[in-house]
Amino acid sequence: MKNIKSTYTEADYQADNLQDQYTIMYGILGKTLIEDLGYDGEAVLREATRRYARDRGLADRKKHEMAGCKVNMYSAFNISAGLPGNKRTVSYRYQSKPQQHISHVLTCPMAEIWDRYGCFDIGRIYCEEFHFTYYNTYAFGKAKVNLATTLTERGTDCCSFNVILRPSDLPEELRPRCFEEYDSEPKQPDLSYFKPISAQEGYGSLYLRLYYYLVSTACESAGEAGKQSIMHGLHRLVLAASEYIRTKTAKGKENAAVLSEAVYLELNYPARLNVEKESMWNQYSRYCAKEIFRDEFCRPFMARGD
């Protein structure tokens, strides 16, 4: 990956850690589902990823419309709706207009983390399922998503995005919501609606929702076997997440030595380890998702140094 560390701040290191732990969670739980349940586990993983993508697509479209933004490819790729940025992802945009976005992503920290933790094929499943579902959900099911190559394939040098939304593919009543030229009274969007969020807030929301769809889909589709597989995956995740932290602190990054463990985890782990302090669980509470996460991950993770 391109060396950009000389420009890093403490907050940048923390954002990297938050994204990496979010990525590790998906990789470890996904790999465990497939190892435990075979093809049924892969089906669970793919459906959970699609559900997560639909959640994000619907939420982002709602935020954009509330701010007066048109639902199109320019908005989807350029107007933040809660996704934290990071300095490690390098991309080149050939075109980003309301009807079409074309870009190459040259570096992907998620692909690198999946490879490092033995989950590279799991990352490929994420790319296959998430992007098509997200952009189509966002664009009322009318987007054409061409993802010719991804960095979760061996031997490729970029993720190649070409995502299209044409007025001719939309019913007449949706065209004014997507394109100014079809709106008889277009208004300027209020971009002040999008308040800056911290990396912890952003990745915390993504982590919880992605975990929820993994556990709820596993329980719904595979019953007790699915629940047990998620629990097995969370036990593995304790080890993987702990190993990641040991590697970071051993290198002396983020001044971890001067922080208490509780403060370090609050700044560098995306999920709140005291689940009672996380209000989002009220919305994502089915199948005992919170209780499973608390008992099978949070408690042993916090006790790992005892």
Protein backbone atom coordinates (compact mmCIF):
# COMPACT_ATOMS: atom_id res chain seq x y z
CA MET A 1 0.00 0.00 0.00
CA LYS A 2 1.15 3.51 -0.75
CA ASN A 3 3.18 4.95 2.13
CA ILE A 4 1.16 7.83 3.52
CA LYS A 5 1.93 7.31 7.21
CA SER A 6 4.00 10.49 7.43
CA THR A 7 0.78 12.50 7.18
CA TYR A 8 -1.07 10.51 9.84
CA THR A 9 -2.59 11.90 13.01
CA GLU A 10 -3.66 9.95 16.07
CA ALA A 11 -7.24 10.05 14.79
CA ASP A 12 -6.11 8.54 11.46
CA TYR A 13 -4.51 5.57 13.21
CA GLN A 14 -7.66 5.07 15.24
CA ALA A 15 -9.83 5.17 12.09
CA ASP A 16 -7.62 2.49 10.52
CA ASN A 17 -7.99 0.28 13.59
CA LEU A 18 -11.75 0.72 13.62
CA GLN A 19 -12.08 -0.21 9.95
CA ASP A 20 -9.74 -3.18 10.33
CA GLN A 21 -11.64 -4.64 13.28
CA TYR A 22 -14.93 -4.23 11.40
CA THR A 23 -13.36 -6.07 8.47
CA ILE A 24 -11.95 -8.83 10.67
CA MET A 25 -15.37 -9.43 12.23
CA TYR A 26 -17.00 -10.08 8.85
CA GLY A 27 -14.15 -12.28 7.72
CA ILE A 28 -13.97 -14.46 10.83
CA LEU A 29 -17.74 -14.92 11.24
CA GLY A 30 -18.18 -15.55 7.51
CA LYS A 31 -15.37 -18.09 7.37
CA THR A 32 -16.76 -19.90 10.41
CA LEU A 33 -20.26 -20.08 8.95
CA ILE A 34 -18.93 -21.77 5.82
CA GLU A 35 -16.64 -24.14 7.71
CA ASP A 36 -19.42 -25.14 10.11
CA LEU A 37 -22.39 -25.27 7.74
CA GLY A 38 -20.89 -25.77 4.27
CA TYR A 39 -23.01 -24.53 1.38
CA ASP A 40 -25.78 -23.56 3.80
CA GLY A 41 -23.27 -21.36 5.61
CA GLU A 42 -22.28 -19.66 2.38
CA ALA A 43 -25.96 -19.05 1.58
CA VAL A 44 -26.40 -17.48 5.03
CA LEU A 45 -23.36 -15.25 4.52
CA ARG A 46 -24.51 -14.06 1.11
CA GLU A 47 -28.06 -13.34 2.26
CA ALA A 48 -26.83 -11.55 5.39
CA THR A 49 -24.55 -9.37 3.26
CA ARG A 50 -27.45 -8.50 0.97
CA ARG A 51 -29.67 -7.60 3.93
CA TYR A 52 -26.95 -5.38 5.33
CA ALA A 53 -26.53 -3.70 1.94
CA ARG A 54 -30.28 -3.10 1.66
CA ASP A 55 -30.32 -1.54 5.12
CA ARG A 56 -27.55 0.86 4.16
CA GLY A 57 -29.00 1.63 0.73
CA LEU A 58 -32.41 2.50 2.14
CA ALA A 59 -30.93 4.55 4.98
CA ASP A 60 -28.63 6.52 2.69
CA ARG A 61 -31.41 7.22 0.17
CA LYS A 62 -33.63 8.50 2.97
CA LYS A 63 -30.88 10.80 4.28
CA HIS A 64 -30.19 12.17 0.81
CA GLU A 65 -33.84 12.90 0.09
CA MET A 66 -34.34 14.53 3.48
CA ALA A 67 -31.47 16.88 2.60
CA GLY A 68 -32.99 17.61 -0.81
CA CYS A 69 -30.41 15.63 -2.80
CA LYS A 70 -31.39 13.81 -5.96
CA VAL A 71 -31.14 10.02 -5.80
CA ASN A 72 -28.53 9.37 -8.47
CA MET A 73 -24.99 8.19 -8.96
CA TYR A 74 -23.40 11.55 -8.21
CA SER A 75 -25.13 11.65 -4.83
CA ALA A 76 -24.37 8.01 -4.09
CA PHE A 77 -20.64 8.39 -4.62
CA ASN A 78 -20.01 11.98 -3.54
CA ILE A 79 -22.40 13.00 -0.77
CA SER A 80 -21.60 11.43 2.56
CA ALA A 81 -24.40 9.70 4.41
CA GLY A 82 -22.43 8.38 7.35
CA LEU A 83 -19.56 6.34 5.88
CA PRO A 84 -16.26 7.27 7.52
CA GLY A 85 -13.39 8.09 5.23
CA ASN A 86 -9.80 6.94 5.54
CA LYS A 87 -6.46 7.85 4.03
CA ARG A 88 -5.50 4.34 2.95
CA THR A 89 -8.02 3.95 0.12
CA VAL A 90 -6.65 5.39 -3.11
CA SER A 91 -8.96 5.75 -6.10
CA TYR A 92 -9.12 7.46 -9.46
CA ARG A 93 -12.44 8.82 -10.70
CA TYR A 94 -12.86 8.94 -14.45
CA GLN A 95 -16.41 10.22 -14.28
CA SER A 96 -18.89 10.95 -11.52
CA LYS A 97 -22.14 12.37 -12.83
CA PRO A 98 -25.83 11.86 -11.98
CA GLN A 99 -26.28 9.12 -14.59
CA GLN A 100 -22.94 7.34 -14.33
CA HIS A 101 -19.99 6.84 -12.01
CA ILE A 102 -16.75 5.30 -13.29
CA SER A 103 -13.78 4.79 -10.99
CA HIS A 104 -10.87 2.51 -10.18
CA VAL A 105 -10.05 1.81 -6.54
CA LEU A 106 -6.31 1.17 -6.43
CA THR A 107 -5.83 0.20 -2.79
CA CYS A 108 -8.30 -1.56 -0.49
CA PRO A 109 -7.37 -2.01 3.19
CA MET A 110 -10.29 -4.39 3.63
CA ALA A 111 -8.90 -6.78 1.01
CA GLU A 112 -5.49 -6.65 2.68
CA ILE A 113 -6.94 -7.44 6.10
CA TRP A 114 -9.01 -10.35 4.76
CA ASP A 115 -5.90 -11.76 3.12
CA ARG A 116 -3.82 -11.36 6.29
CA TYR A 117 -6.41 -13.19 8.40
CA GLY A 118 -7.02 -16.04 5.97
CA CYS A 119 -10.40 -14.75 4.82
CA PHE A 120 -9.63 -13.56 1.29
CA ASP A 121 -12.40 -15.66 -0.28
CA ILE A 122 -14.85 -14.28 2.28
CA GLY A 123 -13.97 -10.79 1.11
CA ARG A 124 -14.80 -11.82 -2.44
CA ILE A 125 -18.29 -12.80 -1.29
CA TYR A 126 -18.70 -9.36 0.28
CA CYS A 127 -17.79 -7.67 -3.00
CA GLU A 128 -20.08 -9.91 -5.04
CA GLU A 129 -23.11 -9.30 -2.86
CA PHE A 130 -22.76 -5.90 -1.22
CA HIS A 131 -22.17 -3.47 -4.09
CA PHE A 132 -24.85 -4.74 -6.46
CA THR A 133 -27.46 -4.81 -3.69
CA TYR A 134 -26.48 -1.48 -2.14
CA TYR A 135 -26.56 0.60 -5.32
CA ASN A 136 -29.71 -1.06 -6.60
CA THR A 137 -31.52 -0.57 -3.31
CA TYR A 138 -30.41 3.05 -3.20
CA ALA A 139 -31.59 3.63 -6.79
CA PHE A 140 -35.03 2.01 -6.53
CA GLY A 141 -33.77 -1.26 -8.07
CA LYS A 142 -32.92 0.44 -11.37
CA ALA A 143 -29.12 0.79 -11.26
CA LYS A 144 -26.80 -1.19 -13.50
CA VAL A 145 -23.79 -2.21 -11.45
CA ASN A 146 -20.72 -3.28 -13.39
CA LEU A 147 -17.92 -4.39 -11.09
CA ALA A 148 -15.54 -5.89 -13.61
CA THR A 149 -12.64 -6.56 -11.25
CA THR A 150 -12.07 -6.30 -7.52
CA LEU A 151 -9.04 -6.40 -5.28
CA THR A 152 -10.56 -9.47 -3.62
CA GLU A 153 -9.55 -11.43 -6.72
CA ARG A 154 -6.01 -12.71 -7.16
CA GLY A 155 -4.05 -11.03 -9.91
CA THR A 156 -6.11 -7.86 -10.21
CA ASP A 157 -4.81 -4.34 -9.71
CA CYS A 158 -8.01 -2.42 -8.95
CA CYS A 159 -11.70 -2.48 -8.19
CA SER A 160 -13.34 -1.28 -11.40
CA PHE A 161 -16.68 0.47 -10.79
CA ASN A 162 -19.07 1.47 -13.55
CA VAL A 163 -22.48 2.16 -12.03
CA ILE A 164 -25.26 3.55 -14.21
CA LEU A 165 -28.72 4.99 -13.59
CA ARG A 166 -30.59 6.09 -16.73
CA PRO A 167 -33.82 8.12 -16.70
CA SER A 168 -35.21 5.77 -19.35
CA ASP A 169 -35.00 2.88 -16.87
CA LEU A 170 -37.07 4.71 -14.25
CA PRO A 171 -40.85 5.00 -14.11
CA GLU A 172 -42.00 8.53 -14.84
CA GLU A 173 -42.91 9.30 -11.23
CA LEU A 174 -39.37 8.57 -10.00
CA ARG A 175 -37.48 10.68 -12.53
CA PRO A 176 -37.99 14.00 -10.67
CA ARG A 177 -36.59 12.39 -7.51
CA CYS A 178 -33.44 11.37 -9.36
CA PHE A 179 -32.66 14.06 -11.92
CA GLU A 180 -33.04 17.84 -11.83
CA GLU A 181 -34.01 18.09 -15.49
CA TYR A 182 -37.22 16.18 -14.73
CA ASP A 183 -38.11 18.28 -11.67
CA SER A 184 -40.34 21.26 -12.48
CA GLU A 185 -39.22 23.02 -9.27
CA PRO A 186 -35.66 21.84 -8.47
CA LYS A 187 -34.15 23.10 -5.22
CA GLN A 188 -30.61 23.28 -3.95
CA PRO A 189 -29.84 20.52 -1.44
CA ASP A 190 -29.05 21.50 2.13
CA LEU A 191 -25.67 19.86 2.60
CA SER A 192 -25.48 21.20 6.15
CA TYR A 193 -27.84 18.31 6.94
CA PHE A 194 -24.81 16.00 6.83
CA LYS A 195 -23.02 16.67 10.08
CA PRO A 196 -19.46 15.37 10.44
CA ILE A 197 -19.30 12.13 12.39
CA SER A 198 -16.39 10.50 14.14
CA ALA A 199 -14.81 7.34 12.77
CA GLN A 200 -15.91 5.55 15.95
CA GLU A 201 -19.53 6.56 15.44
CA GLY A 202 -19.45 5.61 11.77
CA TYR A 203 -17.73 2.25 12.05
CA GLY A 204 -19.64 1.46 15.24
CA SER A 205 -22.91 1.76 13.33
CA LEU A 206 -21.63 -0.32 10.41
CA TYR A 207 -20.20 -3.00 12.70
CA LEU A 208 -23.38 -3.45 14.72
CA ARG A 209 -25.62 -3.64 11.66
CA LEU A 210 -23.37 -6.07 9.81
CA TYR A 211 -23.06 -8.31 12.87
CA TYR A 212 -26.82 -8.18 13.40
CA TYR A 213 -27.60 -9.37 9.89
CA LEU A 214 -25.07 -12.18 10.22
CA VAL A 215 -26.57 -13.49 13.45
CA SER A 216 -30.22 -12.92 12.52
CA THR A 217 -29.87 -14.55 9.10
CA ALA A 218 -27.96 -17.51 10.59
CA CYS A 219 -30.63 -18.09 13.24
CA GLU A 220 -33.49 -17.60 10.82
CA SER A 221 -32.06 -19.84 8.09
CA ALA A 222 -30.17 -22.49 10.04
CA GLY A 223 -31.83 -22.48 13.44
CA GLU A 224 -29.80 -23.71 16.40
CA ALA A 225 -26.93 -24.77 14.14
CA GLY A 226 -26.72 -21.23 12.81
CA LYS A 227 -26.72 -19.76 16.29
CA GLN A 228 -24.00 -22.15 17.41
CA SER A 229 -21.88 -21.27 14.39
CA ILE A 230 -22.14 -17.56 15.17
CA MET A 231 -21.09 -18.29 18.75
CA HIS A 232 -18.17 -20.35 17.46
CA GLY A 233 -17.20 -17.47 15.19
CA LEU A 234 -17.33 -14.96 18.04
CA HIS A 235 -14.98 -17.16 20.08
CA ARG A 236 -12.56 -17.09 17.15
CA LEU A 237 -13.06 -13.36 16.82
CA VAL A 238 -11.89 -12.84 20.41
CA LEU A 239 -8.55 -14.35 19.41
CA ALA A 240 -8.27 -12.49 16.10
CA ALA A 241 -9.25 -9.11 17.53
CA SER A 242 -6.85 -9.58 20.43
CA GLU A 243 -4.02 -10.57 18.07
CA TYR A 244 -4.62 -7.44 16.01
CA ILE A 245 -4.38 -5.25 19.12
CA ARG A 246 -1.19 -7.01 20.30
CA THR A 247 0.40 -6.40 16.91
CA LYS A 248 -0.49 -2.73 16.99
CA THR A 249 0.60 -2.06 20.55
CA ALA A 250 3.83 -4.05 20.08
CA LYS A 251 4.78 -1.60 17.32
CA GLY A 252 4.15 1.30 19.69
CA LYS A 253 1.54 2.97 17.52
CA GLU A 254 -1.19 5.35 18.67
CA ASN A 255 0.67 5.92 21.96
CA ALA A 256 -1.22 2.89 23.27
CA ALA A 257 1.14 2.52 26.20
CA VAL A 258 -0.03 5.75 27.79
CA LEU A 259 -3.71 4.88 27.51
CA SER A 260 -5.63 2.63 29.86
CA GLU A 261 -6.95 -0.50 28.20
CA ALA A 262 -10.56 0.67 28.52
CA VAL A 263 -9.79 4.01 26.87
CA TYR A 264 -7.72 2.36 24.15
CA LEU A 265 -10.56 -0.02 23.26
CA GLU A 266 -13.11 2.78 23.32
CA LEU A 267 -11.06 4.67 20.75
CA ASN A 268 -9.90 1.72 18.63
CA TYR A 269 -12.64 -0.92 18.67
CA PRO A 270 -15.83 -0.12 16.70
CA ALA A 271 -18.39 -1.86 18.92
CA ARG A 272 -19.24 -0.67 22.42
CA LEU A 273 -18.08 -3.50 24.66
CA ASN A 274 -20.57 -2.45 27.31
CA VAL A 275 -23.62 -3.26 25.21
CA GLU A 276 -25.99 -1.46 27.58
CA LYS A 277 -24.46 1.85 26.49
CA GLU A 278 -25.34 1.25 22.83
CA SER A 279 -28.80 2.50 21.93
CA MET A 280 -28.73 0.97 18.43
CA TRP A 281 -29.41 -2.45 19.93
CA ASN A 282 -33.00 -1.32 20.45
CA GLN A 283 -33.48 -1.41 16.68
CA TYR A 284 -31.39 -4.54 16.05
CA SER A 285 -32.47 -6.80 18.88
CA ARG A 286 -34.04 -9.93 17.37
CA TYR A 287 -32.63 -13.43 17.89
CA CYS A 288 -30.88 -12.31 21.10
CA ALA A 289 -28.22 -10.63 18.97
CA LYS A 290 -27.14 -8.29 21.78
CA GLU A 291 -27.02 -11.01 24.42
CA ILE A 292 -25.03 -13.36 22.19
CA PHE A 293 -22.54 -10.60 21.39
CA ARG A 294 -22.21 -9.67 25.07
CA ASP A 295 -21.74 -13.22 26.36
CA GLU A 296 -19.71 -14.80 23.56
CA PHE A 297 -17.52 -11.88 22.54
CA CYS A 298 -17.51 -8.83 24.83
CA ARG A 299 -17.00 -10.57 28.15
CA PRO A 300 -14.25 -12.98 27.04
CA PHE A 301 -12.59 -10.25 24.99
CA MET A 302 -12.43 -7.91 27.97
CA ALA A 303 -11.21 -10.77 30.19
CA ARG A 304 -8.53 -11.99 27.77
CA GLY A 305 -5.70 -10.39 29.78
CA ASP A 306 -6.82 -11.79 33.12
